[in-house]
Protein backbone atom coordinates (compact mmCIF):
# COMPACT_ATOMS: atom_id res chain seq x y z
CA MET A 1 18.88 64.34 78.19
CA VAL A 2 21.70 66.84 77.91
CA LEU A 3 22.13 66.97 81.69
CA LYS A 4 22.16 63.21 81.81
CA LEU A 5 24.91 62.98 79.20
CA LEU A 6 26.94 65.60 80.91
CA PHE A 7 26.71 63.82 84.15
CA VAL A 8 27.99 60.57 82.45
CA ASN A 9 30.85 62.30 80.93
CA LEU A 10 31.86 63.90 84.30
CA LEU A 11 31.58 60.39 85.91
CA LEU A 12 33.88 58.87 83.24
CA LEU A 13 36.29 61.62 83.71
CA ALA A 14 36.40 61.16 87.47
CA LEU A 15 37.17 57.41 87.02
CA VAL A 16 39.93 58.16 84.74
CA LEU A 17 41.56 60.65 86.93
CA CYS A 18 41.22 58.41 89.98
CA SER A 19 42.79 55.50 88.33
CA GLY A 20 46.05 57.57 87.44
CA SER A 21 45.73 56.42 83.81
CA THR A 22 45.22 59.82 82.32
CA SER A 23 47.47 60.72 79.37
CA PHE A 24 47.70 64.27 80.80
CA ASP A 25 50.69 63.43 83.19
CA GLU A 26 52.19 66.83 83.95
CA ASP A 27 55.31 65.32 85.68
CA ALA A 28 56.05 63.06 82.53
CA ASP A 29 55.73 66.18 80.19
CA LEU A 30 57.98 68.19 82.34
CA GLU A 31 60.61 65.56 82.60
CA ASP A 32 60.75 65.18 78.99
CA LEU A 33 61.55 68.91 78.60
CA VAL A 34 64.60 68.58 81.04
CA PRO A 35 67.83 67.92 78.90
CA PRO A 36 69.81 64.80 79.98
CA GLU A 37 72.58 65.11 82.54
CA ASN A 38 75.83 66.20 81.08
CA THR A 39 78.04 63.24 81.09
CA GLY A 40 81.23 64.88 79.54
CA PRO A 41 84.67 65.05 81.37
CA TYR A 42 84.92 67.23 84.32
CA PHE A 43 87.54 67.92 87.19
CA GLU A 44 86.95 66.94 90.76
CA THR A 45 88.64 70.13 92.19
CA SER A 46 88.56 68.74 95.76
CA ALA A 47 91.18 66.21 94.84
CA SER A 48 93.14 68.51 92.44
CA LYS A 49 94.90 71.05 94.82
CA ASN A 50 97.99 73.32 95.09
CA VAL A 51 101.12 71.36 96.41
CA THR A 52 104.03 72.52 98.57
CA ALA A 53 106.97 70.29 98.21
CA LEU A 54 110.69 70.14 99.74
CA VAL A 55 113.77 70.59 97.44
CA GLY A 56 114.95 66.99 96.29
CA LYS A 57 111.85 65.24 97.64
CA THR A 58 109.51 63.78 94.88
CA ALA A 59 106.33 65.87 94.45
CA TYR A 60 102.88 64.84 93.06
CA LEU A 61 100.37 67.05 91.35
CA ASN A 62 97.14 65.22 91.21
CA CYS A 63 94.34 65.63 88.59
CA ARG A 64 91.05 63.65 89.20
CA VAL A 65 89.05 63.60 85.82
CA ARG A 66 85.42 62.08 85.94
CA HIS A 67 83.76 60.79 82.67
CA LEU A 68 86.90 60.93 80.67
CA GLY A 69 85.88 58.54 77.98
CA ASN A 70 88.30 58.19 75.20
CA ARG A 71 89.79 61.61 75.80
CA THR A 72 93.41 62.16 76.65
CA VAL A 73 94.91 63.81 79.68
CA SER A 74 97.97 66.21 79.20
CA TRP A 75 100.10 68.13 81.66
CA ILE A 76 101.34 71.62 80.54
CA ARG A 77 103.95 73.79 82.25
CA HIS A 78 102.71 77.38 82.23
CA ARG A 79 106.17 79.06 82.55
CA ASP A 80 107.09 78.05 79.06
CA LEU A 81 103.89 76.44 77.80
CA HIS A 82 105.83 73.25 77.54
CA LEU A 83 103.99 69.90 76.93
CA LEU A 84 105.31 67.52 79.60
CA THR A 85 103.04 64.46 79.33
CA VAL A 86 99.94 63.05 77.30
CA ASN A 87 98.39 60.07 79.06
CA ARG A 88 101.23 57.86 80.39
CA TYR A 89 103.66 59.19 77.83
CA THR A 90 106.31 61.85 78.62
CA TYR A 91 106.86 64.28 76.07
CA THR A 92 109.79 66.22 77.41
CA SER A 93 113.60 65.33 77.68
CA ASP A 94 113.45 66.01 81.40
CA GLN A 95 112.80 62.53 82.72
CA ARG A 96 112.14 63.83 86.13
CA PHE A 97 108.46 64.40 85.00
CA GLN A 98 106.25 61.44 84.59
CA SER A 99 102.53 60.73 84.42
CA ILE A 100 100.99 58.05 86.77
CA HIS A 101 97.47 56.90 86.30
CA SER A 102 95.32 55.27 88.88
CA PRO A 103 92.25 54.04 87.17
CA HIS A 104 90.11 53.11 90.06
CA LEU A 105 90.27 56.66 91.35
CA ASP A 106 90.29 58.41 87.93
CA ASP A 107 93.52 60.16 89.00
CA TRP A 108 96.28 61.46 86.61
CA MET A 109 99.19 62.49 88.76
CA LEU A 110 102.17 64.49 87.59
CA GLN A 111 105.28 63.18 89.34
CA VAL A 112 108.35 65.64 89.68
CA ARG A 113 111.35 63.78 91.02
CA TYR A 114 114.19 65.65 92.59
CA PRO A 115 112.26 69.05 92.39
CA GLN A 116 114.20 72.22 92.53
CA ARG A 117 113.21 75.70 93.37
CA ARG A 118 112.98 76.55 89.70
CA ASP A 119 110.27 73.94 89.22
CA SER A 120 107.77 76.28 91.21
CA GLY A 121 105.06 77.71 89.14
CA MET A 122 101.71 76.93 87.53
CA TYR A 123 100.88 73.35 85.97
CA GLU A 124 97.80 72.58 84.00
CA CYS A 125 95.92 69.40 83.75
CA GLN A 126 94.16 69.48 80.35
CA VAL A 127 91.49 67.10 78.76
CA SER A 128 91.25 66.67 74.87
CA THR A 129 87.62 67.88 74.67
CA THR A 130 86.54 70.34 71.86
CA PRO A 131 87.39 72.92 73.07
CA PRO A 132 89.95 71.60 75.46
CA ILE A 133 89.23 72.07 79.25
CA GLY A 134 92.03 72.51 81.88
CA HIS A 135 92.52 72.70 85.59
CA SER A 136 95.61 74.53 86.89
CA MET A 137 97.42 73.99 90.11
CA HIS A 138 100.45 75.72 91.63
CA LEU A 139 103.62 73.87 92.77
CA SER A 140 105.81 75.55 95.39
CA VAL A 141 109.12 73.98 95.94
CA VAL A 142 110.73 75.30 99.16
CA GLU A 143 113.92 74.78 101.09
CA PRO A 144 113.60 74.87 104.82
CA ILE A 145 115.92 77.18 106.58
CA THR A 146 117.48 76.47 110.05
CA THR A 147 119.08 79.25 112.22
CA ILE A 148 120.47 79.35 115.73
CA LEU A 149 120.10 82.66 117.37
CA GLY A 150 123.19 84.45 118.50
CA GLY A 151 125.60 82.24 116.28
CA PRO A 152 128.02 81.38 114.93
CA ASP A 153 129.97 81.98 118.12
CA MET A 154 128.42 82.43 121.58
CA TYR A 155 130.30 83.31 124.89
CA ILE A 156 128.87 81.98 128.08
CA ASN A 157 130.16 82.72 131.53
CA LYS A 158 130.98 79.61 133.72
CA GLY A 159 128.05 78.67 135.88
CA SER A 160 125.34 80.31 133.83
CA THR A 161 122.68 78.57 131.69
CA ILE A 162 123.36 77.94 128.16
CA ASN A 163 120.29 78.50 126.10
CA LEU A 164 120.60 77.59 122.36
CA THR A 165 117.47 78.53 120.27
CA CYS A 166 117.07 76.68 116.99
CA ILE A 167 114.50 78.01 114.38
CA ILE A 168 113.21 76.16 111.40
CA LYS A 169 111.32 78.11 108.75
CA ASN A 170 109.79 77.58 105.22
CA SER A 171 108.88 73.96 106.17
CA PRO A 172 105.63 72.51 104.55
CA GLU A 173 105.20 70.63 107.83
CA PRO A 174 106.99 70.52 111.07
CA PRO A 175 110.05 68.33 111.37
CA ALA A 176 109.31 64.89 112.72
CA ALA A 177 112.27 65.35 115.14
CA ILE A 178 115.12 67.58 115.99
CA TYR A 179 118.46 66.27 117.09
CA TRP A 180 121.02 68.14 119.03
CA THR A 181 124.72 67.11 118.95
CA HIS A 182 127.80 68.22 120.73
CA ASN A 183 131.05 67.84 119.01
CA ASN A 184 129.39 65.54 116.48
CA GLU A 185 127.82 63.09 119.30
CA GLU A 186 124.21 63.30 120.01
CA ILE A 187 123.32 64.77 123.34
CA ASN A 188 122.25 62.30 126.08
CA TYR A 189 119.68 64.17 128.13
CA ASP A 190 119.84 61.47 130.85
CA SER A 191 123.63 61.68 131.29
CA PRO A 192 125.28 61.86 134.63
CA ARG A 193 125.91 65.47 134.12
CA GLY A 194 122.47 66.36 134.48
CA GLY A 195 120.89 69.69 133.92
CA VAL A 196 120.45 69.31 130.21
CA SER A 197 116.98 69.44 128.57
CA VAL A 198 115.17 70.29 125.36
CA ILE A 199 111.96 72.03 124.75
CA THR A 200 110.50 71.99 121.19
CA GLU A 201 107.46 73.89 119.89
CA LYS A 202 106.29 72.77 116.57
CA GLY A 203 104.18 74.87 114.13
CA ASP A 204 104.61 76.98 110.94
CA ILE A 205 107.78 78.07 112.73
CA THR A 206 109.30 75.37 114.77
CA THR A 207 111.49 76.30 117.68
CA SER A 208 113.70 74.05 119.75
CA TYR A 209 115.53 75.23 122.93
CA LEU A 210 118.54 73.23 124.25
CA LEU A 211 119.09 74.24 127.92
CA ILE A 212 122.24 73.53 129.64
CA GLN A 213 122.44 74.52 133.35
CA ARG A 214 125.61 75.47 135.43
CA ALA A 215 127.90 75.70 132.42
CA LYS A 216 131.30 74.15 132.67
CA ALA A 217 134.39 74.23 130.57
CA PRO A 218 133.54 70.81 129.11
CA ASP A 219 130.53 72.15 127.76
CA SER A 220 132.41 74.23 125.20
CA GLY A 221 132.49 73.18 121.71
CA ARG A 222 130.41 72.82 118.42
CA TYR A 223 126.60 72.29 118.89
CA ALA A 224 124.63 71.27 115.85
CA CYS A 225 120.76 71.49 115.49
CA ASN A 226 119.58 68.69 113.18
CA PRO A 227 115.90 68.87 112.07
CA THR A 228 114.88 65.72 110.10
CA ASN A 229 113.43 67.93 107.09
CA ALA A 230 116.03 70.65 107.06
CA ASN A 231 119.68 71.39 106.87
CA GLN A 232 121.60 71.46 110.10
CA LYS A 233 122.86 74.52 111.69
CA ILE A 234 126.14 74.76 114.03
CA VAL A 235 127.19 77.14 116.69
CA THR A 236 130.40 77.32 118.72
CA VAL A 237 129.89 77.81 122.31
CA HIS A 238 132.73 79.21 124.58
CA VAL A 239 132.50 78.76 128.29
CA LEU A 240 134.62 81.40 129.96
CA ASN A 241 136.07 81.97 133.51
CA GLY A 242 135.12 85.57 133.68
CA GLU A 243 137.65 86.81 131.11
CA GLN A 244 136.93 88.89 127.89
CA PRO A 245 133.72 90.50 129.39
CA ALA A 246 133.40 92.56 126.16
CA ALA A 247 132.80 89.42 124.18
CA MET A 248 130.20 87.99 126.66
CA GLN A 249 126.78 87.04 125.23
CA HIS A 250 123.96 85.34 127.04
CA GLY A 251 123.29 82.08 125.11
CA GLY A 252 120.17 82.04 122.97
CA GLN A 253 118.65 85.35 123.90
CA LEU A 254 115.03 85.14 123.05
CA ARG A 255 113.07 87.52 120.61
CA LEU A 256 109.54 88.39 121.22
CA GLU A 257 108.23 87.27 117.89
CA TYR A 258 108.83 83.55 118.86
CA PRO A 259 106.18 81.76 120.93
CA LEU A 260 108.03 81.07 124.02
CA SER A 261 108.65 84.09 126.06
CA ALA A 262 111.78 84.85 127.94
CA CYS A 263 109.87 84.97 131.26
CA LEU A 264 108.50 81.57 130.68
CA LEU A 265 111.76 79.89 129.83
CA SER A 266 113.35 81.61 132.99
CA VAL A 267 110.82 79.86 135.12
CA ILE A 268 111.37 76.49 133.45
CA VAL A 269 115.17 76.71 133.99
CA VAL A 270 114.52 77.48 137.64
CA VAL A 271 112.08 74.47 137.86
CA LEU A 272 114.57 72.26 136.32
CA GLY A 273 117.41 73.31 138.44
CA SER A 274 115.46 72.80 141.72
């Protein structure tokens, strides 16, 4: 009788287990032990990065905050712990600073108009939780530097090749274009004179080479290198008839730290002249 009762209980237990209706659901019990996902504010750091900007060109520091709720977003300058903005309100007398909100992206941008080099430094995007949370970013305001090798005066022997080498440094991105002028007129590379060409290499340091073959007296004058995102630089070229040999300089002598070697440039000049 006992064996028969035990067999019936085991059969009932098997039916319960197979039906999935057991109250001993381990997954459900473990799920109840896991705390709910944190829905508080947090920063999306991939969209909130350091910024490099040009002097005088509006800069934007972006802060993306998820699950903000009813909290406020403030921007603080680390240099003097100055409160710049709270939400969309500006709390500084310097009206160059403004907070811009993009609700569909959860972005809070700090706009800095007409930035100067003194504006470089750390800025913190802060959320009014308890305690507050913050994410810091660095703003670098740079001023590109333009130089022409061999300037401000260069002496070229008549019949030789004028090579003017213009270097642009400290630019967040390569200039979109570089314009060369001769006596304030843009150089026409298709002019009847011929033998005038430009080679430009863009990168962290951008280099532009102006090559003028078979130099003549009319080629003397002021040459300006004008990058679209940097200041211009001027050099005065003197084409001589063999006089003043002590003052002679070969135009745009190359330095090894720049990417185009003197050997390669010499070959290009020969090819262009053939």
